[in-house]
N, C-alpha and C. Protein backbone atom coordinates (compact mmCIF):
# COMPACT_ATOMS: atom_id res chain seq x y z
N MET A 1 94.68 30.44 304.84
CA MET A 1 95.37 31.70 304.76
C MET A 1 96.67 31.54 303.98
N LYS A 2 96.96 32.50 303.13
CA LYS A 2 98.19 32.47 302.34
C LYS A 2 99.39 32.69 303.24
N GLU A 3 100.50 32.14 302.80
CA GLU A 3 101.74 32.27 303.55
C GLU A 3 102.91 32.30 302.58
N ILE A 4 103.94 33.01 302.94
CA ILE A 4 105.16 33.07 302.15
C ILE A 4 105.92 31.75 302.33
N ASP A 5 106.38 31.17 301.24
CA ASP A 5 107.20 29.96 301.29
C ASP A 5 108.62 30.38 301.66
N LEU A 6 109.00 30.13 302.89
CA LEU A 6 110.30 30.59 303.39
C LEU A 6 111.48 29.95 302.69
N ASP A 7 111.34 28.68 302.34
CA ASP A 7 112.43 28.01 301.64
C ASP A 7 112.68 28.67 300.29
N LYS A 8 111.61 29.00 299.58
CA LYS A 8 111.76 29.69 298.29
C LYS A 8 112.32 31.08 298.48
N LEU A 9 111.84 31.78 299.50
CA LEU A 9 112.35 33.12 299.78
C LEU A 9 113.84 33.07 300.07
N TYR A 10 114.26 32.11 300.87
CA TYR A 10 115.68 31.97 301.20
C TYR A 10 116.48 31.67 299.94
N GLU A 11 115.94 30.80 299.10
CA GLU A 11 116.62 30.44 297.85
C GLU A 11 116.73 31.66 296.93
N ILE A 12 115.66 32.42 296.80
CA ILE A 12 115.67 33.63 295.97
C ILE A 12 116.65 34.65 296.52
N ALA A 13 116.69 34.79 297.83
CA ALA A 13 117.58 35.76 298.46
C ALA A 13 119.05 35.42 298.23
N GLY A 14 119.36 34.14 298.15
CA GLY A 14 120.74 33.72 297.90
C GLY A 14 121.72 34.35 298.87
N GLN A 15 122.72 35.04 298.32
CA GLN A 15 123.75 35.65 299.16
C GLN A 15 123.23 36.83 299.98
N GLU A 16 122.05 37.32 299.65
CA GLU A 16 121.45 38.43 300.39
C GLU A 16 120.56 37.94 301.53
N ALA A 17 120.51 36.63 301.75
CA ALA A 17 119.60 36.08 302.76
C ALA A 17 119.84 36.66 304.15
N LEU A 18 121.09 36.79 304.56
CA LEU A 18 121.36 37.32 305.90
C LEU A 18 121.06 38.81 305.98
N THR A 19 121.24 39.52 304.87
CA THR A 19 120.88 40.94 304.84
C THR A 19 119.37 41.06 304.98
N LEU A 20 118.63 40.26 304.23
CA LEU A 20 117.17 40.27 304.31
C LEU A 20 116.71 39.90 305.71
N GLU A 21 117.34 38.91 306.31
CA GLU A 21 116.98 38.49 307.67
C GLU A 21 117.16 39.66 308.63
N SER A 22 118.27 40.36 308.50
CA SER A 22 118.56 41.50 309.37
C SER A 22 117.53 42.63 309.18
N GLU A 23 117.18 42.89 307.93
CA GLU A 23 116.20 43.95 307.64
C GLU A 23 114.81 43.58 308.15
N LEU A 24 114.41 42.33 307.96
CA LEU A 24 113.12 41.88 308.48
C LEU A 24 113.10 41.97 310.00
N ASN A 25 114.20 41.59 310.63
CA ASN A 25 114.30 41.67 312.08
C ASN A 25 114.17 43.11 312.56
N ALA A 26 114.84 44.02 311.87
CA ALA A 26 114.76 45.44 312.25
C ALA A 26 113.33 45.97 312.09
N LEU A 27 112.67 45.59 311.01
CA LEU A 27 111.28 46.02 310.80
C LEU A 27 110.38 45.42 311.87
N ALA A 28 110.53 44.15 312.17
CA ALA A 28 109.71 43.50 313.19
C ALA A 28 109.86 44.19 314.54
N LYS A 29 111.09 44.56 314.90
CA LYS A 29 111.32 45.26 316.16
C LYS A 29 110.62 46.61 316.16
N LEU A 30 110.73 47.34 315.04
CA LEU A 30 110.07 48.64 314.95
C LEU A 30 108.56 48.50 315.10
N LEU A 31 107.98 47.52 314.41
CA LEU A 31 106.54 47.33 314.47
C LEU A 31 106.09 46.89 315.86
N ALA A 32 106.89 46.06 316.52
CA ALA A 32 106.54 45.59 317.86
C ALA A 32 106.59 46.71 318.89
N LYS A 33 107.51 47.65 318.70
CA LYS A 33 107.70 48.72 319.68
C LYS A 33 106.86 49.96 319.42
N ASN A 34 106.40 50.14 318.18
CA ASN A 34 105.72 51.38 317.82
C ASN A 34 104.30 51.06 317.34
N PHE A 35 103.34 51.22 318.24
CA PHE A 35 101.96 50.88 317.95
C PHE A 35 101.40 51.68 316.76
N GLU A 36 101.73 52.97 316.71
CA GLU A 36 101.20 53.81 315.63
C GLU A 36 101.74 53.36 314.28
N LEU A 37 103.02 53.08 314.21
CA LEU A 37 103.62 52.60 312.96
C LEU A 37 102.98 51.28 312.55
N ARG A 38 102.84 50.38 313.49
CA ARG A 38 102.24 49.08 313.18
C ARG A 38 100.80 49.22 312.72
N SER A 39 100.04 50.06 313.40
CA SER A 39 98.64 50.27 313.03
C SER A 39 98.53 50.82 311.61
N PHE A 40 99.38 51.77 311.27
CA PHE A 40 99.35 52.35 309.94
C PHE A 40 99.77 51.33 308.89
N PHE A 41 100.87 50.64 309.14
CA PHE A 41 101.40 49.66 308.18
C PHE A 41 100.40 48.52 307.93
N GLU A 42 99.72 48.07 308.97
CA GLU A 42 98.82 46.93 308.85
C GLU A 42 97.41 47.31 308.40
N ASN A 43 97.14 48.59 308.24
CA ASN A 43 95.80 49.05 307.87
C ASN A 43 95.65 49.14 306.36
N ALA A 44 94.91 48.21 305.78
CA ALA A 44 94.72 48.15 304.33
C ALA A 44 93.91 49.33 303.80
N ALA A 45 93.31 50.12 304.68
CA ALA A 45 92.57 51.30 304.24
C ALA A 45 93.52 52.35 303.66
N PHE A 46 94.79 52.31 304.08
CA PHE A 46 95.79 53.21 303.52
C PHE A 46 96.39 52.57 302.28
N SER A 47 96.79 53.38 301.34
CA SER A 47 97.33 52.85 300.09
C SER A 47 98.67 52.16 300.31
N LYS A 48 98.96 51.26 299.41
CA LYS A 48 100.25 50.56 299.43
C LYS A 48 101.39 51.59 299.35
N GLU A 49 101.21 52.60 298.51
CA GLU A 49 102.23 53.63 298.33
C GLU A 49 102.48 54.40 299.63
N ALA A 50 101.39 54.77 300.32
CA ALA A 50 101.54 55.52 301.57
C ALA A 50 102.25 54.69 302.62
N ARG A 51 101.90 53.42 302.71
CA ARG A 51 102.53 52.55 303.71
C ARG A 51 103.99 52.29 303.36
N SER A 52 104.27 52.10 302.08
CA SER A 52 105.66 51.89 301.63
C SER A 52 106.50 53.14 301.88
N LYS A 53 105.91 54.31 301.63
CA LYS A 53 106.63 55.57 301.83
C LYS A 53 107.00 55.75 303.31
N LEU A 54 106.06 55.45 304.19
CA LEU A 54 106.35 55.56 305.62
C LEU A 54 107.48 54.60 306.01
N LEU A 55 107.41 53.37 305.51
CA LEU A 55 108.47 52.41 305.83
C LEU A 55 109.81 52.88 305.30
N ALA A 56 109.81 53.50 304.12
CA ALA A 56 111.06 54.01 303.54
C ALA A 56 111.69 55.05 304.45
N GLU A 57 110.86 55.81 305.16
CA GLU A 57 111.38 56.82 306.08
C GLU A 57 112.02 56.19 307.31
N VAL A 58 111.48 55.07 307.77
CA VAL A 58 112.01 54.44 308.98
C VAL A 58 113.02 53.33 308.67
N MET A 59 113.11 52.93 307.40
CA MET A 59 114.05 51.88 306.99
C MET A 59 114.91 52.37 305.82
N PRO A 60 115.60 53.50 305.99
CA PRO A 60 116.41 54.00 304.88
C PRO A 60 117.55 53.03 304.56
N GLY A 61 117.84 52.90 303.30
CA GLY A 61 118.97 52.06 302.90
C GLY A 61 118.66 50.58 302.83
N ALA A 62 117.39 50.19 302.99
CA ALA A 62 117.05 48.77 302.91
C ALA A 62 117.27 48.27 301.48
N SER A 63 117.52 46.99 301.36
CA SER A 63 117.85 46.39 300.06
C SER A 63 116.65 46.33 299.12
N GLU A 64 116.94 46.20 297.85
CA GLU A 64 115.89 46.06 296.83
C GLU A 64 115.05 44.82 297.11
N LEU A 65 115.69 43.75 297.52
CA LEU A 65 114.97 42.51 297.84
C LEU A 65 113.97 42.74 298.96
N PHE A 66 114.36 43.48 299.98
CA PHE A 66 113.48 43.81 301.09
C PHE A 66 112.25 44.54 300.57
N TRP A 67 112.44 45.54 299.72
CA TRP A 67 111.32 46.33 299.20
C TRP A 67 110.42 45.49 298.30
N ARG A 68 111.00 44.57 297.56
CA ARG A 68 110.18 43.68 296.73
C ARG A 68 109.32 42.77 297.62
N LEU A 69 109.90 42.29 298.71
CA LEU A 69 109.15 41.45 299.65
C LEU A 69 108.03 42.26 300.30
N ILE A 70 108.32 43.48 300.73
CA ILE A 70 107.29 44.34 301.33
C ILE A 70 106.16 44.56 300.33
N GLY A 71 106.51 44.83 299.07
CA GLY A 71 105.50 45.01 298.04
C GLY A 71 104.63 43.78 297.89
N LEU A 72 105.24 42.61 297.90
CA LEU A 72 104.49 41.35 297.80
C LEU A 72 103.56 41.17 299.01
N LEU A 73 104.08 41.44 300.20
CA LEU A 73 103.27 41.31 301.41
C LEU A 73 102.05 42.23 301.36
N LEU A 74 102.26 43.46 300.90
CA LEU A 74 101.15 44.41 300.81
C LEU A 74 100.16 43.99 299.72
N ASP A 75 100.67 43.55 298.57
CA ASP A 75 99.80 43.10 297.48
C ASP A 75 98.93 41.91 297.90
N GLU A 76 99.54 41.00 298.65
CA GLU A 76 98.83 39.77 299.06
C GLU A 76 98.10 39.91 300.40
N ARG A 77 98.13 41.12 300.95
CA ARG A 77 97.49 41.42 302.24
C ARG A 77 98.02 40.53 303.37
N LEU A 78 99.34 40.40 303.38
CA LEU A 78 100.01 39.59 304.40
C LEU A 78 100.80 40.45 305.37
N GLU A 79 100.54 41.76 305.35
CA GLU A 79 101.33 42.68 306.17
C GLU A 79 101.19 42.44 307.67
N LYS A 80 100.09 41.85 308.11
CA LYS A 80 99.90 41.60 309.54
C LYS A 80 100.79 40.47 310.05
N GLY A 81 101.40 39.74 309.13
CA GLY A 81 102.25 38.62 309.53
C GLY A 81 103.74 38.91 309.48
N VAL A 82 104.12 40.18 309.38
CA VAL A 82 105.55 40.51 309.24
C VAL A 82 106.37 40.06 310.44
N ILE A 83 105.86 40.25 311.63
CA ILE A 83 106.64 39.88 312.83
C ILE A 83 106.85 38.37 312.87
N LYS A 84 105.80 37.61 312.63
CA LYS A 84 105.95 36.14 312.60
C LYS A 84 106.84 35.70 311.44
N LEU A 85 106.70 36.36 310.28
CA LEU A 85 107.54 36.05 309.13
C LEU A 85 109.00 36.26 309.49
N SER A 86 109.29 37.36 310.16
CA SER A 86 110.66 37.65 310.57
C SER A 86 111.20 36.57 311.50
N GLU A 87 110.40 36.17 312.48
CA GLU A 87 110.84 35.14 313.43
C GLU A 87 111.11 33.82 312.71
N ARG A 88 110.21 33.45 311.81
CA ARG A 88 110.37 32.20 311.07
C ARG A 88 111.57 32.26 310.13
N PHE A 89 111.78 33.40 309.48
CA PHE A 89 112.91 33.53 308.56
C PHE A 89 114.23 33.51 309.34
N THR A 90 114.26 34.09 310.52
CA THR A 90 115.46 34.04 311.36
C THR A 90 115.79 32.61 311.73
N ARG A 91 114.78 31.84 312.13
CA ARG A 91 115.03 30.43 312.48
C ARG A 91 115.54 29.65 311.28
N LEU A 92 114.97 29.92 310.10
CA LEU A 92 115.42 29.24 308.89
C LEU A 92 116.87 29.63 308.57
N ALA A 93 117.17 30.92 308.61
CA ALA A 93 118.53 31.38 308.33
C ALA A 93 119.52 30.80 309.34
N ALA A 94 119.12 30.74 310.60
CA ALA A 94 119.98 30.15 311.64
C ALA A 94 120.27 28.69 311.32
N SER A 95 119.24 27.98 310.93
CA SER A 95 119.39 26.56 310.61
C SER A 95 120.27 26.36 309.38
N ARG A 96 120.02 27.13 308.35
CA ARG A 96 120.76 26.97 307.09
C ARG A 96 122.23 27.37 307.23
N THR A 97 122.51 28.39 308.03
CA THR A 97 123.90 28.87 308.16
C THR A 97 124.59 28.33 309.40
N LYS A 98 123.85 27.53 310.19
CA LYS A 98 124.38 27.01 311.45
C LYS A 98 124.92 28.14 312.33
N THR A 99 124.09 29.19 312.43
CA THR A 99 124.42 30.38 313.20
C THR A 99 123.36 30.59 314.26
N VAL A 100 123.77 31.02 315.44
CA VAL A 100 122.83 31.40 316.48
C VAL A 100 122.69 32.92 316.41
N PHE A 101 121.46 33.39 316.25
CA PHE A 101 121.19 34.83 316.29
C PHE A 101 120.82 35.15 317.73
N ALA A 102 121.56 36.06 318.33
CA ALA A 102 121.35 36.39 319.74
C ALA A 102 121.00 37.86 319.90
N GLU A 103 119.83 38.10 320.49
CA GLU A 103 119.40 39.45 320.84
C GLU A 103 119.92 39.72 322.24
N VAL A 104 120.84 40.66 322.36
CA VAL A 104 121.46 40.94 323.65
C VAL A 104 121.06 42.34 324.09
N ALA A 105 120.32 42.42 325.17
CA ALA A 105 119.89 43.71 325.71
C ALA A 105 120.71 44.02 326.95
N THR A 106 121.24 45.22 326.99
CA THR A 106 122.02 45.68 328.13
C THR A 106 121.67 47.14 328.42
N ALA A 107 121.98 47.59 329.62
CA ALA A 107 121.72 48.98 329.97
C ALA A 107 122.74 49.91 329.32
N TYR A 108 123.91 49.37 329.02
CA TYR A 108 125.00 50.16 328.43
C TYR A 108 125.64 49.36 327.30
N PRO A 109 126.28 50.03 326.36
CA PRO A 109 126.94 49.29 325.27
C PRO A 109 127.97 48.29 325.81
N LEU A 110 128.03 47.14 325.18
CA LEU A 110 128.98 46.11 325.59
C LEU A 110 130.38 46.43 325.08
N ALA A 111 131.36 46.12 325.89
CA ALA A 111 132.76 46.23 325.46
C ALA A 111 133.09 45.01 324.61
N ALA A 112 134.14 45.10 323.83
CA ALA A 112 134.54 44.01 322.93
C ALA A 112 134.76 42.70 323.69
N ASP A 113 135.40 42.76 324.86
CA ASP A 113 135.65 41.53 325.62
C ASP A 113 134.36 40.92 326.16
N GLU A 114 133.36 41.75 326.47
CA GLU A 114 132.07 41.24 326.94
C GLU A 114 131.34 40.53 325.79
N LYS A 115 131.41 41.12 324.61
CA LYS A 115 130.80 40.48 323.44
C LYS A 115 131.46 39.13 323.18
N LYS A 116 132.78 39.10 323.32
CA LYS A 116 133.53 37.86 323.09
C LYS A 116 133.12 36.78 324.10
N LYS A 117 132.92 37.17 325.36
CA LYS A 117 132.49 36.22 326.40
C LYS A 117 131.12 35.64 326.06
N ILE A 118 130.21 36.51 325.64
CA ILE A 118 128.85 36.06 325.31
C ILE A 118 128.88 35.10 324.13
N THR A 119 129.59 35.45 323.07
CA THR A 119 129.64 34.57 321.90
C THR A 119 130.32 33.26 322.27
N GLY A 120 131.33 33.30 323.13
CA GLY A 120 132.00 32.08 323.58
C GLY A 120 131.07 31.17 324.35
N ARG A 121 130.24 31.75 325.20
CA ARG A 121 129.29 30.96 325.99
C ARG A 121 128.20 30.33 325.12
N LEU A 122 127.80 31.07 324.08
CA LEU A 122 126.76 30.54 323.19
C LEU A 122 127.31 29.46 322.27
N GLY A 123 128.59 29.53 321.96
CA GLY A 123 129.26 28.52 321.15
C GLY A 123 128.92 28.61 319.68
N GLY A 124 129.82 28.11 318.86
CA GLY A 124 129.61 28.08 317.42
C GLY A 124 129.59 29.46 316.80
N ARG A 125 128.95 29.55 315.65
CA ARG A 125 128.81 30.84 314.97
C ARG A 125 127.68 31.62 315.62
N VAL A 126 127.97 32.85 316.00
CA VAL A 126 126.99 33.68 316.69
C VAL A 126 126.89 35.03 316.00
N ASN A 127 125.67 35.48 315.79
CA ASN A 127 125.40 36.80 315.26
C ASN A 127 124.74 37.59 316.39
N LEU A 128 125.52 38.48 317.03
CA LEU A 128 125.02 39.27 318.16
C LEU A 128 124.31 40.52 317.66
N ARG A 129 123.15 40.77 318.22
CA ARG A 129 122.42 42.01 317.97
C ARG A 129 122.27 42.70 319.30
N GLU A 130 122.91 43.83 319.41
CA GLU A 130 122.89 44.58 320.67
C GLU A 130 121.74 45.56 320.70
N GLU A 131 121.11 45.63 321.86
CA GLU A 131 120.05 46.61 322.07
C GLU A 131 120.29 47.25 323.43
N ILE A 132 120.25 48.56 323.46
CA ILE A 132 120.40 49.27 324.72
C ILE A 132 119.01 49.43 325.33
N ASP A 133 118.85 48.93 326.56
CA ASP A 133 117.58 49.02 327.28
C ASP A 133 117.91 49.52 328.68
N THR A 134 117.81 50.82 328.86
CA THR A 134 118.20 51.41 330.14
C THR A 134 117.33 50.95 331.30
N SER A 135 116.15 50.39 331.01
CA SER A 135 115.29 49.89 332.09
C SER A 135 115.89 48.67 332.78
N LEU A 136 116.89 48.04 332.17
CA LEU A 136 117.52 46.87 332.79
C LEU A 136 118.39 47.24 333.97
N ILE A 137 118.78 48.49 334.08
CA ILE A 137 119.62 49.06 335.13
C ILE A 137 121.06 48.56 335.01
N GLY A 138 121.25 47.27 334.89
CA GLY A 138 122.56 46.67 334.73
C GLY A 138 122.40 45.22 334.33
N GLY A 139 123.49 44.58 333.96
CA GLY A 139 123.44 43.17 333.57
C GLY A 139 123.07 43.00 332.11
N VAL A 140 122.59 41.79 331.79
CA VAL A 140 122.32 41.45 330.39
C VAL A 140 121.11 40.52 330.30
N ARG A 141 120.38 40.65 329.19
CA ARG A 141 119.27 39.75 328.89
C ARG A 141 119.51 39.25 327.46
N ILE A 142 119.42 37.93 327.27
CA ILE A 142 119.74 37.34 325.97
C ILE A 142 118.61 36.42 325.51
N PHE A 143 118.17 36.61 324.26
CA PHE A 143 117.24 35.70 323.59
C PHE A 143 117.98 35.16 322.38
N THR A 144 117.89 33.87 322.14
CA THR A 144 118.57 33.30 320.97
C THR A 144 117.56 32.68 320.01
N SER A 145 117.99 32.57 318.76
CA SER A 145 117.13 32.01 317.72
C SER A 145 116.81 30.54 317.95
N ASP A 146 117.60 29.88 318.79
CA ASP A 146 117.31 28.47 319.08
C ASP A 146 116.48 28.32 320.36
N GLY A 147 115.87 29.42 320.81
CA GLY A 147 114.91 29.35 321.90
C GLY A 147 115.46 29.52 323.30
N LYS A 148 116.73 29.78 323.45
CA LYS A 148 117.29 29.96 324.79
C LYS A 148 117.03 31.38 325.27
N TYR A 149 116.86 31.50 326.59
CA TYR A 149 116.62 32.80 327.22
C TYR A 149 117.42 32.86 328.50
N PHE A 150 118.10 33.98 328.69
CA PHE A 150 118.88 34.19 329.91
C PHE A 150 118.62 35.62 330.37
N ASP A 151 118.23 35.78 331.62
CA ASP A 151 118.03 37.11 332.17
C ASP A 151 118.97 37.29 333.35
N GLY A 152 120.08 37.94 333.09
CA GLY A 152 121.05 38.25 334.14
C GLY A 152 121.04 39.74 334.43
N SER A 153 119.89 40.36 334.21
CA SER A 153 119.79 41.81 334.43
C SER A 153 119.41 42.10 335.88
N LEU A 154 119.73 43.29 336.32
CA LEU A 154 119.36 43.72 337.67
C LEU A 154 117.83 43.83 337.76
N LYS A 155 117.20 44.30 336.70
CA LYS A 155 115.75 44.39 336.66
C LYS A 155 115.12 43.00 336.85
N GLY A 156 115.68 42.01 336.16
CA GLY A 156 115.18 40.63 336.28
C GLY A 156 115.39 40.08 337.68
N ALA A 157 116.55 40.37 338.24
CA ALA A 157 116.84 39.89 339.60
C ALA A 157 115.88 40.52 340.61
N LEU A 158 115.61 41.81 340.44
CA LEU A 158 114.67 42.49 341.35
C LEU A 158 113.26 41.92 341.20
N ALA A 159 112.86 41.63 339.96
CA ALA A 159 111.54 41.03 339.72
C ALA A 159 111.45 39.65 340.38
N ASN A 160 112.53 38.86 340.28
CA ASN A 160 112.55 37.53 340.92
C ASN A 160 112.49 37.64 342.44
N LEU A 161 113.21 38.60 342.97
CA LEU A 161 113.21 38.84 344.42
C LEU A 161 111.81 39.23 344.88
N LYS A 162 111.17 40.12 344.17
CA LYS A 162 109.81 40.55 344.49
C LYS A 162 108.86 39.35 344.47
N GLU A 163 108.98 38.53 343.44
CA GLU A 163 108.12 37.34 343.31
C GLU A 163 108.33 36.39 344.48
N SER A 164 109.58 36.17 344.86
CA SER A 164 109.85 35.24 345.96
C SER A 164 109.36 35.80 347.29
N ILE A 165 109.41 37.10 347.47
CA ILE A 165 108.89 37.72 348.71
C ILE A 165 107.37 37.59 348.78
N ILE A 166 106.72 37.83 347.64
CA ILE A 166 105.26 37.73 347.58
C ILE A 166 104.79 36.31 347.84
N ASN A 167 105.53 35.34 347.34
CA ASN A 167 105.12 33.92 347.45
C ASN A 167 105.58 33.24 348.73
N VAL A 168 106.16 33.96 349.67
CA VAL A 168 106.61 33.36 350.92
C VAL A 168 105.46 33.14 351.85
């Protein structure tokens, strides 16, 4: 199976590499959360133009490099690998820039001091991506590009409590 050479992509992206990483991450999240969008985008029965047009509606303002990559993925029939491509490119960008990319989900927007605490705990250069997830009720859930996971949410605590009660 064909695959995009991430090292070459990173090299071509140059100073736009982090912008491209962010755009790929945003697209991957959209595709993961929206079954209809993903089904349409990954269906080769629809024209490249139709799929690109739909993406343009949900990804306004994306960079020229992003659109060129999307065109390449569609031409080479690699559109089903966008989510994995995004994950791999994030890990590469993290490694190359010595930055930890942290997906931080909270029930409410974080205050500046809370963001500072999280970045301090993660150490080094941190790129925080905030996501509001009201199902968490309270607390925070963090996934990092270096594989760390922390669930300090009320939803997670309730799930753990339920599990421990069931297993008693």
